[in-house]
Amino acid sequence: MKNLYYSLIAAVCMLMLASCGILGKKKSKGGSLPNDGMVHGVAPGGKYSLPRPPGMVYVPQGTFHMGPSDEDPAYAFSARNRSVSISGFWMDATEITNNEYRQFVQWVRDSVVARKMGYVKAGADGNEYVDWAKMKTMKWNDPKVMEQLSSTDVILPPDDRIFGKKKLILLKLHFTQKYLTLKKQLKEKMQVSLVQNL
């Protein structure tokens, strides 16, 4: 029995010494930090770069001088130029006018409200699509239409209205967008044509 206790104590001691690194110490191969009791920090990781959003260009950070120019004698002595630094940001690759943006927002508004009002029709593929013929007949300034929309959750509740006007809740205008590459479209068309040929 004593031999069992001695062998158990010896095994526990060997395990403790091995966990401290005294027994079975391995020589460090390159890339790992030395185990000499000093604080060495952590090896630097790879540089992270943001993925490029579709249709966007990166405008790098920079500095410009803001203030009056040399040809501005009225403010030449009272206001000084100052340096302004701007961090980098993403910008849309194509220009868009306010009118084009307004048209887009109204299209999203019409498509969201059409789904809430039930102005949808089933497509050949089983998906629901907006019935634009019905949607074109809808008049936004008609009080009856606004009363119908009050039953949905897209119009502000009476407590939140300014001067009692029924306005849309802009947070309810969710827009989903789908990107298809040319390869993916060709692959889908090939699968459809193979199914039709069978």
Protein backbone atom coordinates (compact mmCIF):
# COMPACT_ATOMS: atom_id res chain seq x y z
CA MET A 1 0.00 0.00 0.00
CA LYS A 2 2.89 2.31 0.84
CA ASN A 3 4.41 1.73 -2.60
CA LEU A 4 1.14 2.83 -4.20
CA TYR A 5 1.13 6.09 -2.22
CA TYR A 6 4.81 6.75 -3.02
CA SER A 7 4.29 6.09 -6.72
CA LEU A 8 1.18 8.33 -6.72
CA ILE A 9 3.04 11.17 -4.97
CA ALA A 10 5.97 10.77 -7.40
CA ALA A 11 3.60 10.94 -10.40
CA VAL A 12 1.93 14.09 -9.06
CA CYS A 13 5.33 15.73 -8.46
CA MET A 14 6.49 14.84 -11.99
CA LEU A 15 3.28 16.27 -13.39
CA MET A 16 3.73 19.51 -11.43
CA LEU A 17 7.36 19.87 -12.53
CA ALA A 18 6.41 19.21 -16.15
CA SER A 19 3.63 21.80 -16.03
CA CYS A 20 6.04 24.41 -14.71
CA GLY A 21 8.35 23.72 -17.61
CA ILE A 22 11.23 22.35 -15.55
CA LEU A 23 11.01 18.84 -16.97
CA GLY A 24 10.73 18.19 -20.67
CA LYS A 25 11.66 21.76 -21.59
CA LYS A 26 11.59 22.27 -25.37
CA LYS A 27 13.94 24.58 -27.13
CA SER A 28 12.13 27.45 -28.78
CA LYS A 29 12.01 27.39 -32.51
CA GLY A 30 11.76 30.75 -34.32
CA GLY A 31 8.46 32.66 -34.10
CA SER A 32 7.67 32.00 -30.46
CA LEU A 33 8.56 34.26 -27.59
CA PRO A 34 11.44 33.20 -25.31
CA ASN A 35 10.53 31.82 -21.91
CA ASP A 36 13.05 33.75 -19.81
CA GLY A 37 10.72 35.36 -17.27
CA MET A 38 10.74 38.73 -19.02
CA VAL A 39 7.72 40.53 -20.47
CA HIS A 40 8.02 40.48 -24.26
CA GLY A 41 4.51 41.40 -25.38
CA VAL A 42 2.67 39.80 -28.24
CA ALA A 43 3.95 39.37 -31.76
CA PRO A 44 2.20 41.79 -34.15
CA GLY A 45 -0.61 40.35 -36.26
CA GLY A 46 -1.31 40.91 -39.93
CA LYS A 47 -2.52 44.29 -41.14
CA TYR A 48 -6.33 44.49 -41.39
CA SER A 49 -7.84 46.19 -44.38
CA LEU A 50 -11.53 46.90 -44.82
CA PRO A 51 -13.30 45.02 -47.59
CA ARG A 52 -14.36 47.27 -50.45
CA PRO A 53 -18.13 47.88 -50.45
CA PRO A 54 -19.71 47.42 -53.90
CA GLY A 55 -19.88 50.62 -55.94
CA MET A 56 -17.77 52.64 -53.50
CA VAL A 57 -14.35 54.29 -53.67
CA TYR A 58 -12.08 55.03 -50.74
CA VAL A 59 -11.12 58.66 -50.11
CA PRO A 60 -7.88 58.59 -48.08
CA GLN A 61 -7.25 60.77 -45.05
CA GLY A 62 -5.81 64.20 -45.57
CA THR A 63 -5.39 67.75 -44.31
CA PHE A 64 -6.58 71.00 -45.80
CA HIS A 65 -6.49 74.67 -44.76
CA MET A 66 -9.82 76.21 -43.89
CA GLY A 67 -10.38 79.92 -43.57
CA PRO A 68 -10.08 83.14 -45.56
CA SER A 69 -7.77 83.32 -48.55
CA ASP A 70 -5.16 85.99 -49.34
CA GLU A 71 -7.67 87.87 -51.50
CA ASP A 72 -10.13 88.31 -48.64
CA PRO A 73 -9.08 91.63 -47.06
CA ALA A 74 -12.14 91.96 -44.83
CA TYR A 75 -11.23 88.87 -42.80
CA ALA A 76 -7.46 88.85 -43.39
CA PHE A 77 -6.52 90.00 -39.89
CA SER A 78 -9.47 88.85 -37.78
CA ALA A 79 -9.67 85.21 -38.84
CA ARG A 80 -6.71 82.93 -39.37
CA ASN A 81 -6.39 79.87 -41.55
CA ARG A 82 -6.38 76.63 -39.68
CA SER A 83 -5.48 73.07 -40.62
CA VAL A 84 -8.30 70.55 -40.59
CA SER A 85 -7.57 66.82 -40.76
CA ILE A 86 -10.17 64.38 -42.04
CA SER A 87 -9.95 60.62 -41.64
CA GLY A 88 -10.52 58.40 -44.66
CA PHE A 89 -14.05 57.46 -45.72
CA TRP A 90 -15.99 55.58 -48.40
CA MET A 91 -17.91 57.50 -51.05
CA ASP A 92 -20.22 56.35 -53.82
CA ALA A 93 -18.38 55.97 -57.13
CA THR A 94 -21.13 57.67 -59.12
CA GLU A 95 -22.62 61.09 -58.53
CA ILE A 96 -26.28 61.36 -57.67
CA THR A 97 -28.49 64.43 -57.60
CA ASN A 98 -30.99 65.33 -54.89
CA ASN A 99 -33.79 64.68 -57.37
CA GLU A 100 -32.51 61.16 -58.12
CA TYR A 101 -32.21 60.42 -54.40
CA ARG A 102 -35.76 61.74 -53.80
CA GLN A 103 -37.02 59.48 -56.59
CA PHE A 104 -35.28 56.49 -54.98
CA VAL A 105 -36.73 57.26 -51.53
CA GLN A 106 -40.23 57.63 -52.99
CA TRP A 107 -39.84 54.32 -54.82
CA VAL A 108 -38.84 52.60 -51.56
CA ARG A 109 -41.76 54.33 -49.80
CA ASP A 110 -44.21 53.16 -52.48
CA SER A 111 -42.93 49.58 -52.46
CA VAL A 112 -43.05 49.31 -48.63
CA VAL A 113 -46.54 50.84 -48.40
CA ALA A 114 -47.79 48.66 -51.29
CA ARG A 115 -46.82 45.54 -49.38
CA LYS A 116 -48.49 46.86 -46.19
CA MET A 117 -51.69 47.73 -48.11
CA GLY A 118 -51.78 44.39 -49.93
CA TYR A 119 -51.08 45.77 -53.43
CA VAL A 120 -49.06 42.70 -54.40
CA LYS A 121 -49.43 40.00 -57.00
CA ALA A 122 -47.90 36.56 -57.24
CA GLY A 123 -45.24 36.05 -59.86
CA ALA A 124 -44.58 33.00 -62.01
CA ASP A 125 -41.71 31.98 -59.73
CA GLY A 126 -43.90 32.05 -56.59
CA ASN A 127 -42.56 35.34 -55.19
CA GLU A 128 -44.75 38.33 -54.38
CA TYR A 129 -44.24 41.45 -56.48
CA VAL A 130 -45.65 44.97 -56.10
CA ASP A 131 -48.66 45.65 -58.31
CA TRP A 132 -47.47 48.99 -59.72
CA ALA A 133 -50.72 49.51 -61.67
CA LYS A 134 -52.66 49.67 -58.37
CA MET A 135 -49.91 51.68 -56.70
CA LYS A 136 -50.03 54.39 -59.42
CA THR A 137 -53.69 55.04 -58.58
CA MET A 138 -52.85 55.78 -54.94
CA LYS A 139 -52.87 59.49 -54.08
CA TRP A 140 -50.68 60.41 -51.11
CA ASN A 141 -52.53 63.63 -50.25
CA ASP A 142 -55.95 61.91 -50.10
CA PRO A 143 -57.30 61.80 -46.49
CA LYS A 144 -58.92 58.40 -47.12
CA VAL A 145 -55.57 56.90 -48.09
CA MET A 146 -53.94 58.35 -44.98
CA GLU A 147 -56.76 56.89 -42.88
CA GLN A 148 -56.12 53.46 -44.41
CA LEU A 149 -52.39 53.82 -43.70
CA SER A 150 -53.16 54.75 -40.07
CA SER A 151 -54.24 51.16 -39.52
CA THR A 152 -50.73 49.99 -40.47
CA ASP A 153 -47.51 50.69 -38.56
CA VAL A 154 -45.96 53.05 -41.15
CA ILE A 155 -47.75 56.22 -40.00
CA LEU A 156 -46.73 58.10 -36.85
CA PRO A 157 -49.03 57.50 -33.88
CA PRO A 158 -51.16 60.53 -32.82
CA ASP A 159 -48.94 61.35 -29.83
CA ASP A 160 -45.82 61.73 -32.01
CA ARG A 161 -47.33 63.85 -34.80
CA ILE A 162 -46.23 67.45 -35.35
CA PHE A 163 -49.23 69.75 -35.83
CA GLY A 164 -51.40 66.65 -36.24
CA LYS A 165 -49.97 65.78 -39.68
CA LYS A 166 -49.91 62.11 -40.62
CA LYS A 167 -46.36 61.39 -41.72
CA LEU A 168 -44.52 58.18 -42.52
CA ILE A 169 -42.12 56.66 -40.01
CA LEU A 170 -38.86 56.77 -41.91
CA LEU A 171 -37.34 53.94 -39.86
CA LYS A 172 -39.94 51.59 -41.37
CA LEU A 173 -38.59 52.15 -44.90
CA HIS A 174 -36.30 49.15 -45.13
CA PHE A 175 -34.74 48.47 -48.50
CA THR A 176 -33.09 45.21 -49.47
CA GLN A 177 -30.67 44.97 -52.32
CA LYS A 178 -29.28 41.94 -54.12
CA TYR A 179 -26.00 41.82 -56.01
CA LEU A 180 -25.56 39.30 -58.79
CA THR A 181 -22.33 38.71 -60.61
CA LEU A 182 -22.25 37.79 -64.26
CA LYS A 183 -20.90 34.33 -63.43
CA LYS A 184 -23.74 33.68 -60.98
CA GLN A 185 -26.38 34.81 -63.50
CA LEU A 186 -24.89 32.59 -66.23
CA LYS A 187 -24.77 29.66 -63.83
CA GLU A 188 -28.46 30.13 -62.91
CA LYS A 189 -29.45 30.43 -66.61
CA MET A 190 -27.51 27.27 -67.45
CA GLN A 191 -29.26 25.36 -64.64
CA VAL A 192 -32.68 26.58 -65.84
CA SER A 193 -31.93 25.61 -69.45
CA LEU A 194 -30.69 22.16 -68.35
CA VAL A 195 -33.90 21.59 -66.37
CA GLN A 196 -36.04 22.70 -69.32
CA ASN A 197 -34.17 20.37 -71.71
CA LEU A 198 -34.82 17.37 -69.45
